[in-house]
Amino acid sequence: QVQLVESGGGLVQAGGSLRLSCVASGLIFSTYTMGWFRQGPGKEREFVASISWSGRNTYYADSVKGRFTISRDNGKNMVYLEMNGLKPEDTAVYCCAASQFGTRSDFALYKYWGQGTQVTVSS
């Protein structure tokens, strides 16, 4: 009965910003590492960012460092991805995921996945 539901995607112009949200239910949220992954058209799924259970440690793909910020609110069972300076190459379906192993970029170790939210960046 674990569910992860993303929201906040949409269409924006290059240079714009979006804030994605993911709400989790059916798990002890504060014990899980949370991550964001994306898959663009014709591309493989790739790691975007992750945050430790406490929120003390965050990790980012090189392609988004300095532009994206991941955060979490354990009281609300939510994780966020603030995206600034968006580029057309950021266009993808963004999914949040939960890992009980503290993994960073290895998507195989994320047990629970949301359905994703579409982010489209126009030039």
Protein backbone atom coordinates (compact mmCIF):
# COMPACT_ATOMS: atom_id res chain seq x y z
CA GLN A 1 0.00 0.00 0.00
CA VAL A 2 3.01 2.27 -0.30
CA GLN A 3 2.28 5.17 -2.61
CA LEU A 4 4.39 8.01 -3.93
CA VAL A 5 2.57 10.74 -5.83
CA GLU A 6 4.35 13.52 -7.68
CA SER A 7 2.96 16.88 -8.68
CA GLY A 8 4.11 20.26 -9.94
CA GLY A 9 5.20 19.43 -13.47
CA GLY A 10 4.26 21.55 -16.43
CA LEU A 11 5.41 23.57 -19.39
CA VAL A 12 7.91 26.36 -18.84
CA GLN A 13 10.23 28.46 -20.95
CA ALA A 14 13.97 28.04 -20.83
CA GLY A 15 15.37 29.85 -17.82
CA GLY A 16 12.19 29.39 -15.86
CA SER A 17 11.54 27.54 -12.63
CA LEU A 18 9.35 24.76 -11.31
CA ARG A 19 8.91 23.15 -7.93
CA LEU A 20 8.08 19.46 -7.90
CA SER A 21 6.51 17.78 -4.90
CA CYS A 22 6.16 14.15 -3.88
CA VAL A 23 3.99 12.91 -1.05
CA ALA A 24 4.49 9.45 0.40
CA SER A 25 2.13 7.19 2.30
CA GLY A 26 2.24 3.68 3.67
CA LEU A 27 5.84 3.80 4.88
CA ILE A 28 7.84 5.30 7.70
CA PHE A 29 8.97 8.21 5.60
CA SER A 30 11.62 9.55 7.95
CA THR A 31 13.65 6.33 7.68
CA TYR A 32 13.98 6.41 3.87
CA THR A 33 16.42 8.03 1.55
CA MET A 34 14.42 9.87 -1.10
CA GLY A 35 15.51 10.47 -4.65
CA TRP A 36 14.45 12.07 -7.90
CA PHE A 37 15.04 10.44 -11.26
CA ARG A 38 14.09 11.44 -14.76
CA GLN A 39 13.72 9.96 -18.20
CA GLY A 40 13.66 12.14 -21.29
CA PRO A 41 12.45 11.22 -24.78
CA GLY A 42 14.66 8.51 -26.22
CA LYS A 43 16.90 8.53 -23.18
CA GLU A 44 17.63 6.16 -20.33
CA ARG A 45 16.47 6.86 -16.82
CA GLU A 46 18.98 8.93 -14.93
CA PHE A 47 19.61 10.05 -11.39
CA VAL A 48 18.86 13.67 -10.58
CA ALA A 49 19.13 14.18 -6.82
CA SER A 50 18.75 12.44 -3.48
CA ILE A 51 18.45 13.34 0.17
CA SER A 52 19.22 11.32 3.27
CA TRP A 53 16.57 10.38 5.81
CA SER A 54 17.51 13.27 8.07
CA GLY A 55 17.93 15.78 5.28
CA ARG A 56 21.53 16.43 6.32
CA ASN A 57 23.07 15.05 3.13
CA THR A 58 22.09 15.83 -0.43
CA TYR A 59 23.52 14.63 -3.74
CA TYR A 60 23.10 15.88 -7.27
CA ALA A 61 23.88 14.82 -10.78
CA ASP A 62 26.54 17.03 -12.33
CA SER A 63 24.05 18.20 -14.94
CA VAL A 64 21.81 19.85 -12.34
CA LYS A 65 24.26 21.06 -9.69
CA GLY A 66 23.74 24.70 -8.89
CA ARG A 67 20.32 24.73 -10.53
CA PHE A 68 18.24 22.15 -8.64
CA THR A 69 17.66 21.83 -4.90
CA ILE A 70 16.20 18.82 -3.14
CA SER A 71 14.58 19.10 0.27
CA ARG A 72 12.21 17.16 2.49
CA ASP A 73 9.66 17.68 5.22
CA ASN A 74 9.37 14.54 7.32
CA GLY A 75 6.42 15.97 9.22
CA LYS A 76 4.44 16.08 5.98
CA ASN A 77 5.93 12.98 4.33
CA MET A 78 7.04 15.12 1.42
CA VAL A 79 10.10 15.62 -0.72
CA TYR A 80 10.61 18.53 -3.09
CA LEU A 81 12.72 19.38 -6.08
CA GLU A 82 13.16 23.06 -6.82
CA MET A 83 14.35 23.54 -10.37
CA ASN A 84 15.79 26.84 -11.52
CA GLY A 85 17.42 27.91 -14.75
CA LEU A 86 15.63 25.17 -16.64
CA LYS A 87 17.00 24.07 -19.99
CA PRO A 88 15.32 22.21 -22.86
CA GLU A 89 17.46 19.19 -22.05
CA ASP A 90 15.75 19.02 -18.66
CA THR A 91 12.57 17.94 -20.42
CA ALA A 92 11.60 14.56 -18.98
CA VAL A 93 9.23 12.62 -16.81
CA TYR A 94 10.38 13.12 -13.24
CA CYS A 95 9.79 10.40 -10.66
CA CYS A 96 10.39 10.32 -6.96
CA ALA A 97 11.56 7.14 -5.28
CA ALA A 98 12.25 5.77 -1.81
CA SER A 99 15.17 3.62 -0.71
CA GLN A 100 15.67 1.84 2.59
CA PHE A 101 19.36 1.28 1.87
CA GLY A 102 20.67 4.81 1.73
CA THR A 103 21.68 4.52 -1.89
CA ARG A 104 22.32 7.64 -3.89
CA SER A 105 22.22 7.08 -7.64
CA ASP A 106 21.64 3.34 -7.98
CA PHE A 107 17.99 3.23 -9.02
CA ALA A 108 17.91 -0.55 -8.61
CA LEU A 109 18.02 -0.07 -4.85
CA TYR A 110 15.02 2.22 -4.72
CA LYS A 111 12.11 0.03 -3.75
CA TYR A 112 9.16 2.35 -4.22
CA TRP A 113 8.43 4.61 -7.18
CA GLY A 114 5.87 7.21 -8.11
CA GLN A 115 4.17 7.44 -11.48
CA GLY A 116 6.01 10.58 -12.48
CA THR A 117 5.19 14.12 -13.54
CA GLN A 118 6.00 15.63 -16.91
CA VAL A 119 8.34 18.60 -17.14
CA THR A 120 8.63 20.27 -20.53
CA VAL A 121 11.03 23.13 -21.14
CA SER A 122 10.63 25.12 -24.34
CA SER A 123 13.32 27.21 -25.97
